Amino acid sequence: DVTDYPVYEITSSSLNLQFRHENNEPGPHRIGQMYTPANYGVIGIDWQSGQLTLQIKALDGTVVREQSVDMLKTGAR
């Protein structure tokens, strides 16, 4: 309610410490379930198309969560 555009947050674990297996952290706007094993985050930017790709990856590089954001629609460009 404080901006004219959507705000996105992506949270990954530290590489040396995974989350607890219980999911008791509130997240009313969370997209999908928490991924509790050790993981890392990647933000891909395609300036040509105006797309952001937000990813959570398992330690082997497998994408376990992904969200695309159109920068042109958010006014972020």
PDB file of N, CA and C in Angstrom:
ATOM      1  N   ASP A   1       0.806  -1.208   0.000  1.00  0.00           N
ATOM      2  CA  ASP A   1       0.000   0.000   0.000  1.00  0.00           C
ATOM      3  C   ASP A   1       0.847   1.269   0.000  1.00  0.00           C
ATOM      4  N   VAL A   2       2.167   1.157  -0.002  1.00  0.00           N
ATOM      5  CA  VAL A   2       2.998   2.348   0.083  1.00  0.00           C
ATOM      6  C   VAL A   2       3.682   2.703  -1.242  1.00  0.00           C
ATOM      7  N   THR A   3       3.509   1.864  -2.277  1.00  0.00           N
ATOM      8  CA  THR A   3       4.108   2.155  -3.576  1.00  0.00           C
ATOM      9  C   THR A   3       3.064   2.039  -4.668  1.00  0.00           C
ATOM     10  N   ASP A   4       3.375   2.604  -5.836  1.00  0.00           N
ATOM     11  CA  ASP A   4       2.488   2.507  -6.991  1.00  0.00           C
ATOM     12  C   ASP A   4       2.751   1.238  -7.802  1.00  0.00           C
ATOM     13  N   TYR A   5       3.687   0.418  -7.353  1.00  0.00           N
ATOM     14  CA  TYR A   5       4.090  -0.778  -8.091  1.00  0.00           C
ATOM     15  C   TYR A   5       4.250  -1.939  -7.111  1.00  0.00           C
ATOM     16  N   PRO A   6       4.187  -3.168  -7.617  1.00  0.00           N
ATOM     17  CA  PRO A   6       4.351  -4.318  -6.710  1.00  0.00           C
ATOM     18  C   PRO A   6       5.786  -4.441  -6.211  1.00  0.00           C
ATOM     19  N   VAL A   7       5.944  -4.957  -5.012  1.00  0.00           N
ATOM     20  CA  VAL A   7       7.256  -5.200  -4.423  1.00  0.00           C
ATOM     21  C   VAL A   7       7.412  -6.712  -4.272  1.00  0.00           C
ATOM     22  N   TYR A   8       8.539  -7.246  -4.731  1.00  0.00           N
ATOM     23  CA  TYR A   8       8.803  -8.681  -4.649  1.00  0.00           C
ATOM     24  C   TYR A   8       9.958  -8.934  -3.705  1.00  0.00           C
ATOM     25  N   GLU A   9       9.880 -10.039  -2.996  1.00  0.00           N
ATOM     26  CA  GLU A   9      10.956 -10.457  -2.100  1.00  0.00           C
ATOM     27  C   GLU A   9      11.228 -11.932  -2.371  1.00  0.00           C
ATOM     28  N   ILE A  10      12.495 -12.280  -2.423  1.00  0.00           N
ATOM     29  CA  ILE A  10      12.881 -13.680  -2.566  1.00  0.00           C
ATOM     30  C   ILE A  10      13.914 -13.955  -1.479  1.00  0.00           C
ATOM     31  N   THR A  11      13.734 -15.050  -0.764  1.00  0.00           N
ATOM     32  CA  THR A  11      14.625 -15.370   0.338  1.00  0.00           C
ATOM     33  C   THR A  11      15.183 -16.768   0.141  1.00  0.00           C
ATOM     34  N   SER A  12      16.500 -16.872   0.158  1.00  0.00           N
ATOM     35  CA  SER A  12      17.140 -18.188   0.074  1.00  0.00           C
ATOM     36  C   SER A  12      17.853 -18.458   1.392  1.00  0.00           C
ATOM     37  N   SER A  13      18.246 -19.716   1.575  1.00  0.00           N
ATOM     38  CA  SER A  13      18.986 -20.055   2.797  1.00  0.00           C
ATOM     39  C   SER A  13      20.445 -19.684   2.608  1.00  0.00           C
ATOM     40  N   SER A  14      21.183 -19.704   3.704  1.00  0.00           N
ATOM     41  CA  SER A  14      22.626 -19.598   3.549  1.00  0.00           C
ATOM     42  C   SER A  14      23.106 -20.947   3.027  1.00  0.00           C
ATOM     43  N   LEU A  15      24.223 -20.977   2.340  1.00  0.00           N
ATOM     44  CA  LEU A  15      24.685 -22.224   1.743  1.00  0.00           C
ATOM     45  C   LEU A  15      25.139 -23.247   2.774  1.00  0.00           C
ATOM     46  N   ASN A  16      25.430 -22.805   3.973  1.00  0.00           N
ATOM     47  CA  ASN A  16      25.932 -23.741   4.970  1.00  0.00           C
ATOM     48  C   ASN A  16      24.919 -24.071   6.058  1.00  0.00           C
ATOM     49  N   LEU A  17      23.691 -23.580   5.946  1.00  0.00           N
ATOM     50  CA  LEU A  17      22.697 -23.822   6.988  1.00  0.00           C
ATOM     51  C   LEU A  17      21.319 -23.865   6.353  1.00  0.00           C
ATOM     52  N   GLN A  18      20.610 -24.954   6.552  1.00  0.00           N
ATOM     53  CA  GLN A  18      19.269 -25.038   5.980  1.00  0.00           C
ATOM     54  C   GLN A  18      18.220 -24.619   6.995  1.00  0.00           C
ATOM     55  N   PHE A  19      17.005 -24.349   6.504  1.00  0.00           N
ATOM     56  CA  PHE A  19      15.890 -23.983   7.369  1.00  0.00           C
ATOM     57  C   PHE A  19      15.446 -25.186   8.182  1.00  0.00           C
ATOM     58  N   ARG A  20      14.767 -24.914   9.281  1.00  0.00           N
ATOM     59  CA  ARG A  20      14.113 -26.006  10.012  1.00  0.00           C
ATOM     60  C   ARG A  20      13.071 -26.625   9.090  1.00  0.00           C
ATOM     61  N   HIS A  21      12.720 -27.849   9.340  1.00  0.00           N
ATOM     62  CA  HIS A  21      11.728 -28.522   8.500  1.00  0.00           C
ATOM     63  C   HIS A  21      10.308 -28.058   8.783  1.00  0.00           C
ATOM     64  N   GLU A  22      10.076 -27.488   9.948  1.00  0.00           N
ATOM     65  CA  GLU A  22       8.741 -26.964  10.232  1.00  0.00           C
ATOM     66  C   GLU A  22       8.563 -25.651   9.484  1.00  0.00           C
ATOM     67  N   ASN A  23       7.362 -25.393   9.033  1.00  0.00           N
ATOM     68  CA  ASN A  23       7.061 -24.144   8.343  1.00  0.00           C
ATOM     69  C   ASN A  23       6.062 -23.368   9.192  1.00  0.00           C
ATOM     70  N   ASN A  24       6.545 -22.663  10.197  1.00  0.00           N
ATOM     71  CA  ASN A  24       5.643 -21.885  11.034  1.00  0.00           C
ATOM     72  C   ASN A  24       5.908 -20.390  10.886  1.00  0.00           C
ATOM     73  N   GLU A  25       6.562 -20.009   9.809  1.00  0.00           N
ATOM     74  CA  GLU A  25       6.786 -18.598   9.515  1.00  0.00           C
ATOM     75  C   GLU A  25       5.609 -18.099   8.669  1.00  0.00           C
ATOM     76  N   PRO A  26       4.909 -17.047   9.115  1.00  0.00           N
ATOM     77  CA  PRO A  26       3.755 -16.581   8.354  1.00  0.00           C
ATOM     78  C   PRO A  26       4.172 -16.005   6.995  1.00  0.00           C
ATOM     79  N   GLY A  27       3.340 -16.190   6.007  1.00  0.00           N
ATOM     80  CA  GLY A  27       3.619 -15.656   4.676  1.00  0.00           C
ATOM     81  C   GLY A  27       2.351 -15.579   3.853  1.00  0.00           C
ATOM     82  N   PRO A  28       1.457 -14.651   4.160  1.00  0.00           N
ATOM     83  CA  PRO A  28       0.161 -14.612   3.467  1.00  0.00           C
ATOM     84  C   PRO A  28       0.280 -14.334   1.972  1.00  0.00           C
ATOM     85  N   HIS A  29       1.398 -13.767   1.530  1.00  0.00           N
ATOM     86  CA  HIS A  29       1.568 -13.474   0.103  1.00  0.00           C
ATOM     87  C   HIS A  29       2.570 -14.407  -0.545  1.00  0.00           C
ATOM     88  N   ARG A  30       2.987 -15.435   0.164  1.00  0.00           N
ATOM     89  CA  ARG A  30       3.986 -16.375  -0.343  1.00  0.00           C
ATOM     90  C   ARG A  30       3.431 -17.116  -1.552  1.00  0.00           C
ATOM     91  N   ILE A  31       4.272 -17.269  -2.561  1.00  0.00           N
ATOM     92  CA  ILE A  31       3.910 -18.046  -3.742  1.00  0.00           C
ATOM     93  C   ILE A  31       4.542 -19.422  -3.579  1.00  0.00           C
ATOM     94  N   GLY A  32       3.749 -20.433  -3.356  1.00  0.00           N
ATOM     95  CA  GLY A  32       4.258 -21.786  -3.156  1.00  0.00           C
ATOM     96  C   GLY A  32       4.699 -22.004  -1.727  1.00  0.00           C
ATOM     97  N   GLN A  33       5.141 -23.227  -1.438  1.00  0.00           N
ATOM     98  CA  GLN A  33       5.594 -23.603  -0.107  1.00  0.00           C
ATOM     99  C   GLN A  33       7.061 -23.238   0.079  1.00  0.00           C
ATOM    100  N   MET A  34       7.485 -23.101   1.337  1.00  0.00           N
ATOM    101  CA  MET A  34       8.903 -22.885   1.620  1.00  0.00           C
ATOM    102  C   MET A  34       9.678 -24.116   1.164  1.00  0.00           C
ATOM    103  N   TYR A  35      10.903 -23.903   0.732  1.00  0.00           N
ATOM    104  CA  TYR A  35      11.802 -24.995   0.381  1.00  0.00           C
ATOM    105  C   TYR A  35      12.862 -25.036   1.469  1.00  0.00           C
ATOM    106  N   THR A  36      12.813 -26.058   2.337  1.00  0.00           N
ATOM    107  CA  THR A  36      13.636 -26.046   3.544  1.00  0.00           C
ATOM    108  C   THR A  36      15.049 -26.606   3.406  1.00  0.00           C
ATOM    109  N   PRO A  37      15.362 -27.502   2.440  1.00  0.00           N
ATOM    110  CA  PRO A  37      16.764 -27.926   2.328  1.00  0.00           C
ATOM    111  C   PRO A  37      17.663 -26.743   1.932  1.00  0.00           C
ATOM    112  N   ALA A  38      18.971 -26.902   2.141  1.00  0.00           N
ATOM    113  CA  ALA A  38      19.920 -25.844   1.766  1.00  0.00           C
ATOM    114  C   ALA A  38      19.710 -25.462   0.307  1.00  0.00           C
ATOM    115  N   ASN A  39      19.761 -24.163   0.012  1.00  0.00           N
ATOM    116  CA  ASN A  39      19.466 -23.668  -1.331  1.00  0.00           C
ATOM    117  C   ASN A  39      20.146 -22.324  -1.540  1.00  0.00           C
ATOM    118  N   TYR A  40      20.038 -21.809  -2.769  1.00  0.00           N
ATOM    119  CA  TYR A  40      20.546 -20.468  -3.062  1.00  0.00           C
ATOM    120  C   TYR A  40      19.615 -19.797  -4.056  1.00  0.00           C
ATOM    121  N   GLY A  41      19.697 -18.469  -4.126  1.00  0.00           N
ATOM    122  CA  GLY A  41      18.815 -17.702  -4.991  1.00  0.00           C
ATOM    123  C   GLY A  41      19.553 -17.136  -6.190  1.00  0.00           C
ATOM    124  N   VAL A  42      18.826 -17.016  -7.307  1.00  0.00           N
ATOM    125  CA  VAL A  42      19.363 -16.442  -8.539  1.00  0.00           C
ATOM    126  C   VAL A  42      18.330 -15.452  -9.068  1.00  0.00           C
ATOM    127  N   ILE A  43      18.808 -14.272  -9.459  1.00  0.00           N
ATOM    128  CA  ILE A  43      17.939 -13.283 -10.108  1.00  0.00           C
ATOM    129  C   ILE A  43      18.475 -13.086 -11.512  1.00  0.00           C
ATOM    130  N   GLY A  44      17.670 -13.455 -12.509  1.00  0.00           N
ATOM    131  CA  GLY A  44      18.046 -13.278 -13.904  1.00  0.00           C
ATOM    132  C   GLY A  44      17.371 -12.038 -14.458  1.00  0.00           C
ATOM    133  N   ILE A  45      18.113 -11.225 -15.197  1.00  0.00           N
ATOM    134  CA  ILE A  45      17.554  -9.999 -15.793  1.00  0.00           C
ATOM    135  C   ILE A  45      17.727 -10.072 -17.291  1.00  0.00           C
ATOM    136  N   ASP A  46      16.621  -9.996 -18.024  1.00  0.00           N
ATOM    137  CA  ASP A  46      16.654  -9.928 -19.482  1.00  0.00           C
ATOM    138  C   ASP A  46      16.233  -8.509 -19.861  1.00  0.00           C
ATOM    139  N   TRP A  47      17.222  -7.650 -20.097  1.00  0.00           N
ATOM    140  CA  TRP A  47      16.948  -6.241 -20.381  1.00  0.00           C
ATOM    141  C   TRP A  47      16.200  -6.068 -21.693  1.00  0.00           C
ATOM    142  N   GLN A  48      16.443  -6.948 -22.653  1.00  0.00           N
ATOM    143  CA  GLN A  48      15.773  -6.835 -23.967  1.00  0.00           C
ATOM    144  C   GLN A  48      14.260  -6.998 -23.845  1.00  0.00           C
ATOM    145  N   SER A  49      13.842  -8.031 -23.095  1.00  0.00           N
ATOM    146  CA  SER A  49      12.406  -8.307 -22.976  1.00  0.00           C
ATOM    147  C   SER A  49      11.774  -7.647 -21.756  1.00  0.00           C
ATOM    148  N   GLY A  50      12.612  -7.117 -20.848  1.00  0.00           N
ATOM    149  CA  GLY A  50      12.075  -6.500 -19.638  1.00  0.00           C
ATOM    150  C   GLY A  50      11.571  -7.516 -18.629  1.00  0.00           C
ATOM    151  N   GLN A  51      12.176  -8.712 -18.604  1.00  0.00           N
ATOM    152  CA  GLN A  51      11.750  -9.774 -17.691  1.00  0.00           C
ATOM    153  C   GLN A  51      12.786 -10.034 -16.610  1.00  0.00           C
ATOM    154  N   LEU A  52      12.299 -10.195 -15.382  1.00  0.00           N
ATOM    155  CA  LEU A  52      13.108 -10.691 -14.271  1.00  0.00           C
ATOM    156  C   LEU A  52      12.700 -12.131 -14.026  1.00  0.00           C
ATOM    157  N   THR A  53      13.650 -12.972 -13.696  1.00  0.00           N
ATOM    158  CA  THR A  53      13.347 -14.331 -13.276  1.00  0.00           C
ATOM    159  C   THR A  53      13.959 -14.525 -11.899  1.00  0.00           C
ATOM    160  N   LEU A  54      13.119 -14.808 -10.921  1.00  0.00           N
ATOM    161  CA  LEU A  54      13.549 -15.029  -9.547  1.00  0.00           C
ATOM    162  C   LEU A  54      13.519 -16.535  -9.306  1.00  0.00           C
ATOM    163  N   GLN A  55      14.649 -17.102  -8.916  1.00  0.00           N
ATOM    164  CA  GLN A  55      14.722 -18.551  -8.745  1.00  0.00           C
ATOM    165  C   GLN A  55      15.334 -18.920  -7.395  1.00  0.00           C
ATOM    166  N   ILE A  56      14.840 -20.006  -6.839  1.00  0.00           N
ATOM    167  CA  ILE A  56      15.481 -20.698  -5.727  1.00  0.00           C
ATOM    168  C   ILE A  56      15.965 -22.018  -6.308  1.00  0.00           C
ATOM    169  N   LYS A  57      17.246 -22.326  -6.063  1.00  0.00           N
ATOM    170  CA  LYS A  57      17.825 -23.546  -6.607  1.00  0.00           C
ATOM    171  C   LYS A  57      18.347 -24.436  -5.484  1.00  0.00           C
ATOM    172  N   ALA A  58      18.193 -25.748  -5.674  1.00  0.00           N
ATOM    173  CA  ALA A  58      18.803 -26.725  -4.776  1.00  0.00           C
ATOM    174  C   ALA A  58      20.307 -26.684  -4.994  1.00  0.00           C
ATOM    175  N   LEU A  59      21.067 -27.258  -4.085  1.00  0.00           N
ATOM    176  CA  LEU A  59      22.520 -27.203  -4.189  1.00  0.00           C
ATOM    177  C   LEU A  59      23.064 -27.841  -5.464  1.00  0.00           C
ATOM    178  N   ASP A  60      22.299 -28.758  -6.077  1.00  0.00           N
ATOM    179  CA  ASP A  60      22.742 -29.368  -7.334  1.00  0.00           C
ATOM    180  C   ASP A  60      22.380 -28.530  -8.553  1.00  0.00           C
ATOM    181  N   GLY A  61      21.768 -27.346  -8.339  1.00  0.00           N
ATOM    182  CA  GLY A  61      21.420 -26.446  -9.434  1.00  0.00           C
ATOM    183  C   GLY A  61      20.009 -26.599  -9.965  1.00  0.00           C
ATOM    184  N   THR A  62      19.265 -27.575  -9.469  1.00  0.00           N
ATOM    185  CA  THR A  62      17.886 -27.771  -9.895  1.00  0.00           C
ATOM    186  C   THR A  62      17.025 -26.602  -9.424  1.00  0.00           C
ATOM    187  N   VAL A  63      16.221 -26.033 -10.315  1.00  0.00           N
ATOM    188  CA  VAL A  63      15.297 -24.957  -9.946  1.00  0.00           C
ATOM    189  C   VAL A  63      14.138 -25.568  -9.168  1.00  0.00           C
ATOM    190  N   VAL A  64      13.932 -25.110  -7.919  1.00  0.00           N
ATOM    191  CA  VAL A  64      12.852 -25.643  -7.087  1.00  0.00           C
ATOM    192  C   VAL A  64      11.713 -24.642  -6.891  1.00  0.00           C
ATOM    193  N   ARG A  65      11.969 -23.371  -7.112  1.00  0.00           N
ATOM    194  CA  ARG A  65      10.942 -22.327  -7.086  1.00  0.00           C
ATOM    195  C   ARG A  65      11.321 -21.293  -8.138  1.00  0.00           C
ATOM    196  N   GLU A  66      10.320 -20.763  -8.842  1.00  0.00           N
ATOM    197  CA  GLU A  66      10.608 -19.762  -9.867  1.00  0.00           C
ATOM    198  C   GLU A  66       9.420 -18.827 -10.024  1.00  0.00           C
ATOM    199  N   GLN A  67       9.719 -17.558 -10.208  1.00  0.00           N
ATOM    200  CA  GLN A  67       8.687 -16.546 -10.456  1.00  0.00           C
ATOM    201  C   GLN A  67       9.231 -15.569 -11.480  1.00  0.00           C
ATOM    202  N   SER A  68       8.452 -15.278 -12.506  1.00  0.00           N
ATOM    203  CA  SER A  68       8.839 -14.275 -13.504  1.00  0.00           C
ATOM    204  C   SER A  68       8.110 -12.976 -13.212  1.00  0.00           C
ATOM    205  N   VAL A  69       8.794 -11.870 -13.477  1.00  0.00           N
ATOM    206  CA  VAL A  69       8.233 -10.539 -13.242  1.00  0.00           C
ATOM    207  C   VAL A  69       8.438  -9.719 -14.502  1.00  0.00           C
ATOM    208  N   ASP A  70       7.378  -9.119 -15.006  1.00  0.00           N
ATOM    209  CA  ASP A  70       7.452  -8.248 -16.175  1.00  0.00           C
ATOM    210  C   ASP A  70       7.759  -6.832 -15.698  1.00  0.00           C
ATOM    211  N   MET A  71       8.990  -6.357 -15.929  1.00  0.00           N
ATOM    212  CA  MET A  71       9.387  -5.038 -15.453  1.00  0.00           C
ATOM    213  C   MET A  71       8.591  -3.925 -16.131  1.00  0.00           C
ATOM    214  N   LEU A  72       8.152  -4.167 -17.354  1.00  0.00           N
ATOM    215  CA  LEU A  72       7.395  -3.135 -18.066  1.00  0.00           C
ATOM    216  C   LEU A  72       6.044  -2.877 -17.402  1.00  0.00           C
ATOM    217  N   LYS A  73       5.419  -3.921 -16.867  1.00  0.00           N
ATOM    218  CA  LYS A  73       4.108  -3.770 -16.215  1.00  0.00           C
ATOM    219  C   LYS A  73       4.241  -3.204 -14.805  1.00  0.00           C
ATOM    220  N   THR A  74       5.429  -3.388 -14.171  1.00  0.00           N
ATOM    221  CA  THR A  74       5.583  -2.914 -12.800  1.00  0.00           C
ATOM    222  C   THR A  74       6.094  -1.478 -12.739  1.00  0.00           C
ATOM    223  N   GLY A  75       6.546  -0.948 -13.863  1.00  0.00           N
ATOM    224  CA  GLY A  75       7.113   0.390 -13.857  1.00  0.00           C
ATOM    225  C   GLY A  75       8.535   0.423 -13.340  1.00  0.00           C
ATOM    226  N   ALA A  76       9.172  -0.742 -13.266  1.00  0.00           N
ATOM    227  CA  ALA A  76      10.516  -0.828 -12.690  1.00  0.00           C
ATOM    228  C   ALA A  76      11.629  -0.504 -13.686  1.00  0.00           C
ATOM    229  N   ARG A  77      11.284  -0.233 -14.898  1.00  0.00           N
ATOM    230  CA  ARG A  77      12.309  -0.011 -15.914  1.00  0.00           C
ATOM    231  C   ARG A  77      12.644   1.434 -16.082  1.00  0.00           C
TER     232      ARG A  77
END
